[in-house]
Amino acid sequence: MQHAAFVTLPEFIRAEERKHTNATGDLSSILSSIALGTKVVSRAVAQAGLASMLGATGGRNIQGEEVQKLDEFADLAFTSVVGRSGNFLSIVSEEQDSLVTAIEGSASSSYVIAFDPVDGSSNIDCNVAIGTIFGVYRRLSEGPTGDHTDFFQGGRKQVAAGYTVYGSSTMFVFSTGNGVNGFTLDSTIGEYLLTHPNLRMPLKGKTYSCNEGNYSRWSAGVKAFIDYLKAESPKDPSLPHGARYVGSLVADFHRTLLKGGIFLYPADNKNKSGKLRLLYECAPLAFLAEQAGGSATDGECPILDLVATDIHQRVPLFIGSADNVALLGEFLR
């Protein structure tokens, strides 16, 4: 039997397609183009300090956030690599004000993609793990040009979603609706190898992840939940929980996926609608969480049930182990 470490990403995708007699090969092409984009960015991340790619450009994106040089590079790299595949009609990126038509997008292109080219930009100059997040939808529009309705379908309509974390190693984690699998980039051969097959999030974890610097701005329910996690209790030997917060959503979610627990970025007095973006941050990770047995909510309903009305729409996010997210719900109610 072949060891998982020697199964390459292309081999894995072909094996999955053989399980479905009506497979068209689209997902193979889609995932291959996305993976190629992550390899380009991974190389840039590794060489950022040597290639004068650290620091800010001096500009700000539509979010009002300072654009880093690596943000700009990654956005161009993904837009180019993914856009030339022919699979995608339109692209939504955190770094672009509006919807972008893919370079090779045409009436025959069946999909659209939303992505955050570099998640955790504030950590770029600190050599801390950062990442890329993406969500793929089947297009709804007709003709040679797409429109926003292609992206306003709700997260459950994603045909593929995933992320790449650029850390001590580069990992590509994705789902096409049949579980979650993780691949590690072997730089010596330039290929992703299957290292984390059939990932399952623990039902309950002992850590929480959030920016407690915002505590004073949170709702009473969120405050009470965090206070509960930090206190000892003879009724719950898992308490108190440990705190883990990187400040890169991808890194914080990746640890939660593997170890269990909960990540939260609530709405607050400053960010009344939340801070994280629905299309290219929350929905893709929520898709992965549910596929791995976890849960994701905005505090009122599942993230995947939300339908975007703006490509840069922000929402609160509570995501992680099913039991931890359910306990949060009791406090919010």
C-alpha atoms as a PDB file:
ATOM      1  CA  MET A   1       0.000   0.000   0.000  1.00  0.00           C
ATOM      2  CA  GLN A   2       1.354   3.393  -0.978  1.00  0.00           C
ATOM      3  CA  HIS A   3       2.209   5.622   1.973  1.00  0.00           C
ATOM      4  CA  ALA A   4       0.208   8.857   2.144  1.00  0.00           C
ATOM      5  CA  ALA A   5       3.428  10.909   2.107  1.00  0.00           C
ATOM      6  CA  PHE A   6       4.114   9.736  -1.454  1.00  0.00           C
ATOM      7  CA  VAL A   7       0.711  10.623  -2.896  1.00  0.00           C
ATOM      8  CA  THR A   8       1.042  13.836  -4.859  1.00  0.00           C
ATOM      9  CA  LEU A   9      -1.737  16.380  -5.214  1.00  0.00           C
ATOM     10  CA  PRO A  10      -2.337  15.549  -8.918  1.00  0.00           C
ATOM     11  CA  GLU A  11      -2.466  11.823  -8.116  1.00  0.00           C
ATOM     12  CA  PHE A  12      -4.932  12.431  -5.296  1.00  0.00           C
ATOM     13  CA  ILE A  13      -7.205  14.550  -7.479  1.00  0.00           C
ATOM     14  CA  ARG A  14      -7.194  11.990 -10.298  1.00  0.00           C
ATOM     15  CA  ALA A  15      -8.017   9.220  -7.812  1.00  0.00           C
ATOM     16  CA  GLU A  16     -10.939  11.235  -6.470  1.00  0.00           C
ATOM     17  CA  GLU A  17     -12.227  11.921  -9.969  1.00  0.00           C
ATOM     18  CA  ARG A  18     -12.167   8.198 -10.821  1.00  0.00           C
ATOM     19  CA  LYS A  19     -14.694   7.671  -8.019  1.00  0.00           C
ATOM     20  CA  HIS A  20     -17.223   9.740  -9.969  1.00  0.00           C
ATOM     21  CA  THR A  21     -18.186   8.492 -13.422  1.00  0.00           C
ATOM     22  CA  ASN A  22     -19.567  11.900 -14.431  1.00  0.00           C
ATOM     23  CA  ALA A  23     -16.422  13.836 -13.472  1.00  0.00           C
ATOM     24  CA  THR A  24     -15.401  16.372 -16.122  1.00  0.00           C
ATOM     25  CA  GLY A  25     -11.868  17.077 -14.940  1.00  0.00           C
ATOM     26  CA  ASP A  26     -12.760  20.655 -14.020  1.00  0.00           C
ATOM     27  CA  LEU A  27     -11.783  20.306 -10.362  1.00  0.00           C
ATOM     28  CA  SER A  28      -8.420  18.879 -11.328  1.00  0.00           C
ATOM     29  CA  SER A  29      -7.702  21.907 -13.480  1.00  0.00           C
ATOM     30  CA  ILE A  30      -9.077  24.324 -10.872  1.00  0.00           C
ATOM     31  CA  LEU A  31      -7.073  22.924  -7.968  1.00  0.00           C
ATOM     32  CA  SER A  32      -3.932  22.627 -10.065  1.00  0.00           C
ATOM     33  CA  SER A  33      -4.053  26.308 -11.022  1.00  0.00           C
ATOM     34  CA  ILE A  34      -4.717  27.386  -7.429  1.00  0.00           C
ATOM     35  CA  ALA A  35      -1.897  25.164  -6.169  1.00  0.00           C
ATOM     36  CA  LEU A  36       0.472  26.678  -8.723  1.00  0.00           C
ATOM     37  CA  GLY A  37      -0.438  30.153  -7.467  1.00  0.00           C
ATOM     38  CA  THR A  38       0.345  29.134  -3.894  1.00  0.00           C
ATOM     39  CA  LYS A  39       3.739  27.783  -4.957  1.00  0.00           C
ATOM     40  CA  VAL A  40       4.597  31.130  -6.533  1.00  0.00           C
ATOM     41  CA  VAL A  41       3.564  32.969  -3.366  1.00  0.00           C
ATOM     42  CA  SER A  42       5.324  30.435  -1.111  1.00  0.00           C
ATOM     43  CA  ARG A  43       8.591  31.097  -2.908  1.00  0.00           C
ATOM     44  CA  ALA A  44       8.068  34.847  -2.584  1.00  0.00           C
ATOM     45  CA  VAL A  45       7.332  34.529   1.149  1.00  0.00           C
ATOM     46  CA  ALA A  46      10.514  32.503   1.689  1.00  0.00           C
ATOM     47  CA  GLN A  47      12.593  35.080  -0.158  1.00  0.00           C
ATOM     48  CA  ALA A  48      10.743  38.233   0.931  1.00  0.00           C
ATOM     49  CA  GLY A  49      13.559  39.521   3.107  1.00  0.00           C
ATOM     50  CA  LEU A  50      16.132  38.974   0.358  1.00  0.00           C
ATOM     51  CA  ALA A  51      14.019  40.290  -2.507  1.00  0.00           C
ATOM     52  CA  SER A  52      13.037  43.641  -0.930  1.00  0.00           C
ATOM     53  CA  MET A  53       9.421  42.469  -0.659  1.00  0.00           C
ATOM     54  CA  LEU A  54       8.948  43.406   2.999  1.00  0.00           C
ATOM     55  CA  GLY A  55       7.220  46.583   4.104  1.00  0.00           C
ATOM     56  CA  ALA A  56       4.291  48.633   2.809  1.00  0.00           C
ATOM     57  CA  THR A  57       3.677  50.052  -0.644  1.00  0.00           C
ATOM     58  CA  GLY A  58       2.344  53.320   0.755  1.00  0.00           C
ATOM     59  CA  GLY A  59      -1.160  52.676  -0.553  1.00  0.00           C
ATOM     60  CA  ARG A  60      -4.378  51.430   1.057  1.00  0.00           C
ATOM     61  CA  ASN A  61      -6.921  48.925  -0.236  1.00  0.00           C
ATOM     62  CA  ILE A  62     -10.696  49.341  -0.297  1.00  0.00           C
ATOM     63  CA  GLN A  63     -10.790  48.053   3.298  1.00  0.00           C
ATOM     64  CA  GLY A  64      -8.719  51.072   4.356  1.00  0.00           C
ATOM     65  CA  GLU A  65      -5.852  48.740   5.262  1.00  0.00           C
ATOM     66  CA  GLU A  66      -2.227  49.474   4.448  1.00  0.00           C
ATOM     67  CA  VAL A  67      -1.139  47.416   1.437  1.00  0.00           C
ATOM     68  CA  GLN A  68       2.044  45.421   1.914  1.00  0.00           C
ATOM     69  CA  LYS A  69       4.427  44.726  -0.963  1.00  0.00           C
ATOM     70  CA  LEU A  70       3.748  41.004  -0.591  1.00  0.00           C
ATOM     71  CA  ASP A  71      -0.020  41.667  -0.730  1.00  0.00           C
ATOM     72  CA  GLU A  72       0.431  43.369  -4.066  1.00  0.00           C
ATOM     73  CA  PHE A  73       2.706  40.647  -5.437  1.00  0.00           C
ATOM     74  CA  ALA A  74       0.440  37.780  -4.303  1.00  0.00           C
ATOM     75  CA  ASP A  75      -2.662  39.452  -5.724  1.00  0.00           C
ATOM     76  CA  LEU A  76      -0.971  39.854  -9.104  1.00  0.00           C
ATOM     77  CA  ALA A  77       0.390  36.298  -9.015  1.00  0.00           C
ATOM     78  CA  PHE A  78      -2.962  34.682  -8.212  1.00  0.00           C
ATOM     79  CA  THR A  79      -4.948  36.857 -10.582  1.00  0.00           C
ATOM     80  CA  SER A  80      -2.527  35.940 -13.360  1.00  0.00           C
ATOM     81  CA  VAL A  81      -2.088  32.201 -12.684  1.00  0.00           C
ATOM     82  CA  VAL A  82      -5.719  31.462 -11.841  1.00  0.00           C
ATOM     83  CA  GLY A  83      -7.026  33.853 -14.473  1.00  0.00           C
ATOM     84  CA  ARG A  84      -5.112  32.115 -17.264  1.00  0.00           C
ATOM     85  CA  SER A  85      -6.518  28.663 -16.479  1.00  0.00           C
ATOM     86  CA  GLY A  86      -9.678  29.333 -18.499  1.00  0.00           C
ATOM     87  CA  ASN A  87     -11.854  27.833 -15.767  1.00  0.00           C
ATOM     88  CA  PHE A  88     -12.752  31.131 -14.123  1.00  0.00           C
ATOM     89  CA  LEU A  89     -14.877  33.909 -15.520  1.00  0.00           C
ATOM     90  CA  SER A  90     -14.548  36.367 -12.641  1.00  0.00           C
ATOM     91  CA  ILE A  91     -12.327  36.964  -9.625  1.00  0.00           C
ATOM     92  CA  VAL A  92     -12.922  38.706  -6.314  1.00  0.00           C
ATOM     93  CA  SER A  93      -9.830  39.621  -4.303  1.00  0.00           C
ATOM     94  CA  GLU A  94      -9.349  41.414  -1.020  1.00  0.00           C
ATOM     95  CA  GLU A  95      -6.916  43.723  -2.790  1.00  0.00           C
ATOM     96  CA  GLN A  96      -9.260  44.699  -5.646  1.00  0.00           C
ATOM     97  CA  ASP A  97     -12.008  47.298  -5.252  1.00  0.00           C
ATOM     98  CA  SER A  98     -14.420  45.496  -7.533  1.00  0.00           C
ATOM     99  CA  LEU A  99     -15.006  42.263  -9.410  1.00  0.00           C
ATOM    100  CA  VAL A 100     -12.255  41.445 -11.931  1.00  0.00           C
ATOM    101  CA  THR A 101     -12.745  39.585 -15.218  1.00  0.00           C
ATOM    102  CA  ALA A 102     -10.259  36.722 -15.493  1.00  0.00           C
ATOM    103  CA  ILE A 103      -7.585  37.100 -18.185  1.00  0.00           C
ATOM    104  CA  GLU A 104      -8.800  34.014 -20.069  1.00  0.00           C
ATOM    105  CA  GLY A 105     -12.376  34.227 -18.815  1.00  0.00           C
ATOM    106  CA  SER A 106     -15.016  33.585 -21.473  1.00  0.00           C
ATOM    107  CA  ALA A 107     -18.562  32.369 -21.985  1.00  0.00           C
ATOM    108  CA  SER A 108     -17.267  28.803 -21.632  1.00  0.00           C
ATOM    109  CA  SER A 109     -15.733  29.461 -18.186  1.00  0.00           C
ATOM    110  CA  SER A 110     -17.865  27.654 -15.620  1.00  0.00           C
ATOM    111  CA  TYR A 111     -16.548  28.994 -12.296  1.00  0.00           C
ATOM    112  CA  VAL A 112     -15.701  32.090 -10.282  1.00  0.00           C
ATOM    113  CA  ILE A 113     -13.269  32.431  -7.393  1.00  0.00           C
ATOM    114  CA  ALA A 114     -12.933  34.686  -4.349  1.00  0.00           C
ATOM    115  CA  PHE A 115      -9.614  34.819  -2.522  1.00  0.00           C
ATOM    116  CA  ASP A 116      -7.545  36.613   0.076  1.00  0.00           C
ATOM    117  CA  PRO A 117      -4.067  36.488  -1.492  1.00  0.00           C
ATOM    118  CA  VAL A 118      -2.193  37.083   1.777  1.00  0.00           C
ATOM    119  CA  ASP A 119      -4.058  36.640   5.036  1.00  0.00           C
ATOM    120  CA  GLY A 120      -2.239  38.033   8.074  1.00  0.00           C
ATOM    121  CA  SER A 121      -0.531  40.910   6.271  1.00  0.00           C
ATOM    122  CA  SER A 122       0.383  42.629   9.526  1.00  0.00           C
ATOM    123  CA  ASN A 123       2.639  39.670  10.331  1.00  0.00           C
ATOM    124  CA  ILE A 124       4.567  39.660   7.042  1.00  0.00           C
ATOM    125  CA  ASP A 125       7.546  41.616   8.377  1.00  0.00           C
ATOM    126  CA  CYS A 126       7.697  39.509  11.557  1.00  0.00           C
ATOM    127  CA  ASN A 127       8.327  36.095   9.956  1.00  0.00           C
ATOM    128  CA  VAL A 128       5.069  34.782  11.425  1.00  0.00           C
ATOM    129  CA  ALA A 129       2.849  32.275   9.593  1.00  0.00           C
ATOM    130  CA  ILE A 130       0.570  33.870   6.989  1.00  0.00           C
ATOM    131  CA  GLY A 131      -1.632  32.333   4.320  1.00  0.00           C
ATOM    132  CA  THR A 132      -3.998  32.378   1.351  1.00  0.00           C
ATOM    133  CA  ILE A 133      -7.744  31.603   1.495  1.00  0.00           C
ATOM    134  CA  PHE A 134     -10.036  30.791  -1.445  1.00  0.00           C
ATOM    135  CA  GLY A 135     -13.599  29.798  -2.257  1.00  0.00           C
ATOM    136  CA  VAL A 136     -14.824  28.556  -5.652  1.00  0.00           C
ATOM    137  CA  TYR A 137     -18.393  28.785  -6.974  1.00  0.00           C
ATOM    138  CA  ARG A 138     -20.083  27.561 -10.130  1.00  0.00           C
ATOM    139  CA  ARG A 139     -21.130  30.623 -12.104  1.00  0.00           C
ATOM    140  CA  LEU A 140     -24.815  31.546 -12.411  1.00  0.00           C
ATOM    141  CA  SER A 141     -24.555  34.308 -15.004  1.00  0.00           C
ATOM    142  CA  GLU A 142     -24.689  33.726 -18.735  1.00  0.00           C
ATOM    143  CA  GLY A 143     -22.642  35.171 -21.554  1.00  0.00           C
ATOM    144  CA  PRO A 144     -19.020  36.357 -21.813  1.00  0.00           C
ATOM    145  CA  THR A 145     -19.087  38.616 -18.748  1.00  0.00           C
ATOM    146  CA  GLY A 146     -20.060  37.790 -15.181  1.00  0.00           C
ATOM    147  CA  ASP A 147     -21.718  39.822 -12.470  1.00  0.00           C
ATOM    148  CA  HIS A 148     -21.991  39.927  -8.700  1.00  0.00           C
ATOM    149  CA  THR A 149     -24.774  37.334  -8.575  1.00  0.00           C
ATOM    150  CA  ASP A 150     -22.119  34.699  -9.279  1.00  0.00           C
ATOM    151  CA  PHE A 151     -20.727  35.380  -5.795  1.00  0.00           C
ATOM    152  CA  PHE A 152     -24.001  36.020  -3.960  1.00  0.00           C
ATOM    153  CA  GLN A 153     -25.052  32.378  -3.625  1.00  0.00           C
ATOM    154  CA  GLY A 154     -24.302  31.492  -0.010  1.00  0.00           C
ATOM    155  CA  GLY A 155     -21.343  29.501   1.276  1.00  0.00           C
ATOM    156  CA  ARG A 156     -23.000  26.101   0.881  1.00  0.00           C
ATOM    157  CA  LYS A 157     -22.816  26.565  -2.876  1.00  0.00           C
ATOM    158  CA  GLN A 158     -19.021  26.464  -2.860  1.00  0.00           C
ATOM    159  CA  VAL A 159     -17.693  23.626  -5.003  1.00  0.00           C
ATOM    160  CA  ALA A 160     -14.226  23.917  -3.483  1.00  0.00           C
ATOM    161  CA  ALA A 161     -12.658  25.897  -0.671  1.00  0.00           C
ATOM    162  CA  GLY A 162      -9.346  25.907   1.091  1.00  0.00           C
ATOM    163  CA  TYR A 163      -6.290  27.717   2.304  1.00  0.00           C
ATOM    164  CA  THR A 164      -2.531  27.614   2.231  1.00  0.00           C
ATOM    165  CA  VAL A 165      -0.445  28.365   5.306  1.00  0.00           C
ATOM    166  CA  TYR A 166       3.090  29.621   4.761  1.00  0.00           C
ATOM    167  CA  GLY A 167       4.964  28.744   7.934  1.00  0.00           C
ATOM    168  CA  SER A 168       7.753  26.355   8.896  1.00  0.00           C
ATOM    169  CA  SER A 169       6.393  24.396   5.933  1.00  0.00           C
ATOM    170  CA  THR A 170       3.851  25.294   3.263  1.00  0.00           C
ATOM    171  CA  MET A 171       0.554  23.410   3.592  1.00  0.00           C
ATOM    172  CA  PHE A 172      -2.329  23.329   1.132  1.00  0.00           C
ATOM    173  CA  VAL A 173      -5.625  22.313   2.770  1.00  0.00           C
ATOM    174  CA  PHE A 174      -8.849  22.014   0.790  1.00  0.00           C
ATOM    175  CA  SER A 175     -12.241  20.382   0.424  1.00  0.00           C
ATOM    176  CA  THR A 176     -14.459  19.721  -2.571  1.00  0.00           C
ATOM    177  CA  GLY A 177     -17.348  18.632  -0.358  1.00  0.00           C
ATOM    178  CA  ASN A 178     -15.993  15.174   0.429  1.00  0.00           C
ATOM    179  CA  GLY A 179     -13.949  15.757   3.557  1.00  0.00           C
ATOM    180  CA  VAL A 180     -10.795  17.787   4.167  1.00  0.00           C
ATOM    181  CA  ASN A 181      -7.263  16.830   3.145  1.00  0.00           C
ATOM    182  CA  GLY A 182      -3.934  18.525   3.762  1.00  0.00           C
ATOM    183  CA  PHE A 183      -0.845  18.525   1.563  1.00  0.00           C
ATOM    184  CA  THR A 184       2.675  19.687   2.403  1.00  0.00           C
ATOM    185  CA  LEU A 185       4.912  21.252  -0.235  1.00  0.00           C
ATOM    186  CA  ASP A 186       8.137  19.337  -0.864  1.00  0.00           C
ATOM    187  CA  SER A 187      10.324  22.115  -2.228  1.00  0.00           C
ATOM    188  CA  THR A 188      12.923  19.641  -3.504  1.00  0.00           C
ATOM    189  CA  ILE A 189      10.501  18.322  -6.137  1.00  0.00           C
ATOM    190  CA  GLY A 190       8.135  21.293  -6.251  1.00  0.00           C
ATOM    191  CA  GLU A 191       5.076  19.205  -5.489  1.00  0.00           C
ATOM    192  CA  TYR A 192       2.449  18.942  -2.781  1.00  0.00           C
ATOM    193  CA  LEU A 193       2.356  15.562  -0.992  1.00  0.00           C
ATOM    194  CA  LEU A 194      -0.564  14.196   1.004  1.00  0.00           C
ATOM    195  CA  THR A 195       0.421  14.407   4.680  1.00  0.00           C
ATOM    196  CA  HIS A 196      -2.909  14.969   6.462  1.00  0.00           C
ATOM    197  CA  PRO A 197      -5.587  12.726   4.909  1.00  0.00           C
ATOM    198  CA  ASN A 198      -9.219  13.001   6.001  1.00  0.00           C
ATOM    199  CA  LEU A 199      -8.721  15.719   8.602  1.00  0.00           C
ATOM    200  CA  ARG A 200     -11.251  15.733  11.436  1.00  0.00           C
ATOM    201  CA  MET A 201     -11.591  18.529  13.945  1.00  0.00           C
ATOM    202  CA  PRO A 202     -11.784  17.296  17.559  1.00  0.00           C
ATOM    203  CA  LEU A 203     -15.318  17.489  18.943  1.00  0.00           C
ATOM    204  CA  LYS A 204     -14.069  19.621  21.820  1.00  0.00           C
ATOM    205  CA  GLY A 205     -10.859  21.527  22.415  1.00  0.00           C
ATOM    206  CA  LYS A 206      -9.128  23.188  25.348  1.00  0.00           C
ATOM    207  CA  THR A 207      -7.962  26.415  23.718  1.00  0.00           C
ATOM    208  CA  TYR A 208      -9.569  29.635  22.573  1.00  0.00           C
ATOM    209  CA  SER A 209      -8.187  32.143  20.108  1.00  0.00           C
ATOM    210  CA  CYS A 210      -9.152  35.807  19.929  1.00  0.00           C
ATOM    211  CA  ASN A 211      -7.818  39.330  20.233  1.00  0.00           C
ATOM    212  CA  GLU A 212      -8.555  40.038  23.892  1.00  0.00           C
ATOM    213  CA  GLY A 213      -7.397  43.599  23.378  1.00  0.00           C
ATOM    214  CA  ASN A 214     -10.940  44.191  22.081  1.00  0.00           C
ATOM    215  CA  TYR A 215     -12.569  42.767  25.244  1.00  0.00           C
ATOM    216  CA  SER A 216     -13.986  46.108  26.439  1.00  0.00           C
ATOM    217  CA  ARG A 217     -15.867  46.532  23.138  1.00  0.00           C
ATOM    218  CA  TRP A 218     -17.528  43.104  23.111  1.00  0.00           C
ATOM    219  CA  SER A 219     -21.124  42.221  23.974  1.00  0.00           C
ATOM    220  CA  ALA A 220     -21.946  40.938  27.447  1.00  0.00           C
ATOM    221  CA  GLY A 221     -22.466  37.412  26.084  1.00  0.00           C
ATOM    222  CA  VAL A 222     -19.038  37.205  24.458  1.00  0.00           C
ATOM    223  CA  LYS A 223     -17.379  38.631  27.576  1.00  0.00           C
ATOM    224  CA  ALA A 224     -19.154  36.083  29.771  1.00  0.00           C
ATOM    225  CA  PHE A 225     -18.057  33.237  27.463  1.00  0.00           C
ATOM    226  CA  ILE A 226     -14.387  34.253  27.616  1.00  0.00           C
ATOM    227  CA  ASP A 227     -14.578  34.776  31.387  1.00  0.00           C
ATOM    228  CA  TYR A 228     -16.004  31.261  31.728  1.00  0.00           C
ATOM    229  CA  LEU A 229     -13.193  29.731  29.659  1.00  0.00           C
ATOM    230  CA  LYS A 230     -10.566  31.415  31.830  1.00  0.00           C
ATOM    231  CA  ALA A 231     -11.995  30.294  35.176  1.00  0.00           C
ATOM    232  CA  GLU A 232     -11.452  26.975  36.975  1.00  0.00           C
ATOM    233  CA  SER A 233     -14.500  24.770  37.527  1.00  0.00           C
ATOM    234  CA  PRO A 234     -14.874  21.457  39.399  1.00  0.00           C
ATOM    235  CA  LYS A 235     -17.702  20.614  36.970  1.00  0.00           C
ATOM    236  CA  ASP A 236     -15.480  20.888  33.894  1.00  0.00           C
ATOM    237  CA  PRO A 237     -11.908  19.562  34.189  1.00  0.00           C
ATOM    238  CA  SER A 238     -11.025  21.098  30.804  1.00  0.00           C
ATOM    239  CA  LEU A 239     -11.172  24.550  32.397  1.00  0.00           C
ATOM    240  CA  PRO A 240      -9.438  26.872  32.365  1.00  0.00           C
ATOM    241  CA  HIS A 241      -8.740  26.842  28.642  1.00  0.00           C
ATOM    242  CA  GLY A 242      -5.425  27.939  27.199  1.00  0.00           C
ATOM    243  CA  ALA A 243      -5.238  31.070  25.052  1.00  0.00           C
ATOM    244  CA  ARG A 244      -3.606  30.946  21.618  1.00  0.00           C
ATOM    245  CA  TYR A 245      -3.685  33.875  19.207  1.00  0.00           C
ATOM    246  CA  VAL A 246      -1.395  34.432  16.246  1.00  0.00           C
ATOM    247  CA  GLY A 247      -3.182  37.296  14.524  1.00  0.00           C
ATOM    248  CA  SER A 248      -3.195  35.493  11.153  1.00  0.00           C
ATOM    249  CA  LEU A 249      -6.635  33.965  10.579  1.00  0.00           C
ATOM    250  CA  VAL A 250      -5.203  31.091   8.534  1.00  0.00           C
ATOM    251  CA  ALA A 251      -2.672  30.185  11.231  1.00  0.00           C
ATOM    252  CA  ASP A 252      -5.233  30.435  14.032  1.00  0.00           C
ATOM    253  CA  PHE A 253      -7.772  28.352  12.112  1.00  0.00           C
ATOM    254  CA  HIS A 254      -5.199  25.767  11.045  1.00  0.00           C
ATOM    255  CA  ARG A 255      -4.231  25.113  14.664  1.00  0.00           C
ATOM    256  CA  THR A 256      -7.902  24.947  15.659  1.00  0.00           C
ATOM    257  CA  LEU A 257      -8.610  22.468  12.855  1.00  0.00           C
ATOM    258  CA  LEU A 258      -5.820  20.185  14.038  1.00  0.00           C
ATOM    259  CA  LYS A 259      -6.089  20.626  17.824  1.00  0.00           C
ATOM    260  CA  GLY A 260      -9.682  21.685  18.422  1.00  0.00           C
ATOM    261  CA  GLY A 261     -11.032  24.647  20.367  1.00  0.00           C
ATOM    262  CA  ILE A 262     -12.572  27.852  19.109  1.00  0.00           C
ATOM    263  CA  PHE A 263     -11.508  30.960  17.199  1.00  0.00           C
ATOM    264  CA  LEU A 264     -13.622  34.062  17.531  1.00  0.00           C
ATOM    265  CA  TYR A 265     -13.666  37.539  16.026  1.00  0.00           C
ATOM    266  CA  PRO A 266     -16.918  39.087  17.287  1.00  0.00           C
ATOM    267  CA  ALA A 267     -18.572  42.283  16.235  1.00  0.00           C
ATOM    268  CA  ASP A 268     -17.816  45.089  18.675  1.00  0.00           C
ATOM    269  CA  ASN A 269     -18.435  48.773  19.288  1.00  0.00           C
ATOM    270  CA  LYS A 270     -15.821  49.667  16.664  1.00  0.00           C
ATOM    271  CA  ASN A 271     -16.614  46.995  14.059  1.00  0.00           C
ATOM    272  CA  LYS A 272     -20.361  46.730  14.409  1.00  0.00           C
ATOM    273  CA  SER A 273     -20.725  44.266  11.524  1.00  0.00           C
ATOM    274  CA  GLY A 274     -17.614  42.319  12.394  1.00  0.00           C
ATOM    275  CA  LYS A 275     -14.205  42.656  10.767  1.00  0.00           C
ATOM    276  CA  LEU A 276     -13.570  39.499   8.736  1.00  0.00           C
ATOM    277  CA  ARG A 277     -14.816  39.253   5.156  1.00  0.00           C
ATOM    278  CA  LEU A 278     -17.562  36.756   4.330  1.00  0.00           C
ATOM    279  CA  LEU A 279     -16.687  35.745   0.764  1.00  0.00           C
ATOM    280  CA  TYR A 280     -12.960  35.099   0.948  1.00  0.00           C
ATOM    281  CA  GLU A 281     -12.301  34.516   4.642  1.00  0.00           C
ATOM    282  CA  CYS A 282     -15.293  33.287   6.629  1.00  0.00           C
ATOM    283  CA  ALA A 283     -17.239  31.221   4.063  1.00  0.00           C
ATOM    284  CA  PRO A 284     -14.270  29.146   2.821  1.00  0.00           C
ATOM    285  CA  LEU A 285     -13.081  28.357   6.357  1.00  0.00           C
ATOM    286  CA  ALA A 286     -16.641  27.587   7.483  1.00  0.00           C
ATOM    287  CA  PHE A 287     -16.915  25.126   4.571  1.00  0.00           C
ATOM    288  CA  LEU A 288     -13.757  23.383   5.760  1.00  0.00           C
ATOM    289  CA  ALA A 289     -14.867  23.437   9.396  1.00  0.00           C
ATOM    290  CA  GLU A 290     -18.185  21.721   8.641  1.00  0.00           C
ATOM    291  CA  GLN A 291     -16.532  19.207   6.313  1.00  0.00           C
ATOM    292  CA  ALA A 292     -14.144  18.330   9.159  1.00  0.00           C
ATOM    293  CA  GLY A 293     -16.942  17.938  11.728  1.00  0.00           C
ATOM    294  CA  GLY A 294     -16.675  21.406  13.223  1.00  0.00           C
ATOM    295  CA  SER A 295     -18.987  24.401  13.227  1.00  0.00           C
ATOM    296  CA  ALA A 296     -19.012  28.072  12.222  1.00  0.00           C
ATOM    297  CA  THR A 297     -21.522  30.794  13.046  1.00  0.00           C
ATOM    298  CA  ASP A 298     -21.894  34.557  13.078  1.00  0.00           C
ATOM    299  CA  GLY A 299     -23.505  34.248  16.506  1.00  0.00           C
ATOM    300  CA  GLU A 300     -27.024  33.870  15.136  1.00  0.00           C
ATOM    301  CA  CYS A 301     -26.882  31.433  12.222  1.00  0.00           C
ATOM    302  CA  PRO A 302     -24.373  29.217  10.410  1.00  0.00           C
ATOM    303  CA  ILE A 303     -21.856  31.144   8.313  1.00  0.00           C
ATOM    304  CA  LEU A 304     -22.639  28.924   5.311  1.00  0.00           C
ATOM    305  CA  ASP A 305     -26.285  30.043   5.389  1.00  0.00           C
ATOM    306  CA  LEU A 306     -25.318  33.699   4.921  1.00  0.00           C
ATOM    307  CA  VAL A 307     -25.710  35.151   1.432  1.00  0.00           C
ATOM    308  CA  ALA A 308     -23.369  38.033   0.632  1.00  0.00           C
ATOM    309  CA  THR A 309     -24.790  41.309  -0.667  1.00  0.00           C
ATOM    310  CA  ASP A 310     -21.402  42.962  -1.139  1.00  0.00           C
ATOM    311  CA  ILE A 311     -18.149  41.370  -2.279  1.00  0.00           C
ATOM    312  CA  HIS A 312     -16.290  42.849   0.701  1.00  0.00           C
ATOM    313  CA  GLN A 313     -19.053  42.257   3.254  1.00  0.00           C
ATOM    314  CA  ARG A 314     -17.861  41.788   6.839  1.00  0.00           C
ATOM    315  CA  VAL A 315     -19.395  39.455   9.416  1.00  0.00           C
ATOM    316  CA  PRO A 316     -18.624  38.227  12.958  1.00  0.00           C
ATOM    317  CA  LEU A 317     -16.985  34.796  13.067  1.00  0.00           C
ATOM    318  CA  PHE A 318     -17.062  32.036  15.691  1.00  0.00           C
ATOM    319  CA  ILE A 319     -15.492  28.848  14.348  1.00  0.00           C
ATOM    320  CA  GLY A 320     -14.060  25.636  15.719  1.00  0.00           C
ATOM    321  CA  SER A 321     -14.984  22.415  17.484  1.00  0.00           C
ATOM    322  CA  ALA A 322     -18.709  21.666  17.481  1.00  0.00           C
ATOM    323  CA  ASP A 323     -19.026  21.490  21.284  1.00  0.00           C
ATOM    324  CA  ASN A 324     -17.102  24.728  21.825  1.00  0.00           C
ATOM    325  CA  VAL A 325     -19.206  26.644  19.306  1.00  0.00           C
ATOM    326  CA  ALA A 326     -22.403  25.188  20.808  1.00  0.00           C
ATOM    327  CA  LEU A 327     -21.311  26.336  24.289  1.00  0.00           C
ATOM    328  CA  LEU A 328     -20.709  29.832  22.932  1.00  0.00           C
ATOM    329  CA  GLY A 329     -24.256  29.827  21.584  1.00  0.00           C
ATOM    330  CA  GLU A 330     -25.620  29.262  25.093  1.00  0.00           C
ATOM    331  CA  PHE A 331     -23.831  32.387  26.328  1.00  0.00           C
ATOM    332  CA  LEU A 332     -24.936  34.483  23.354  1.00  0.00           C
ATOM    333  CA  ARG A 333     -28.561  33.458  23.944  1.00  0.00           C
END
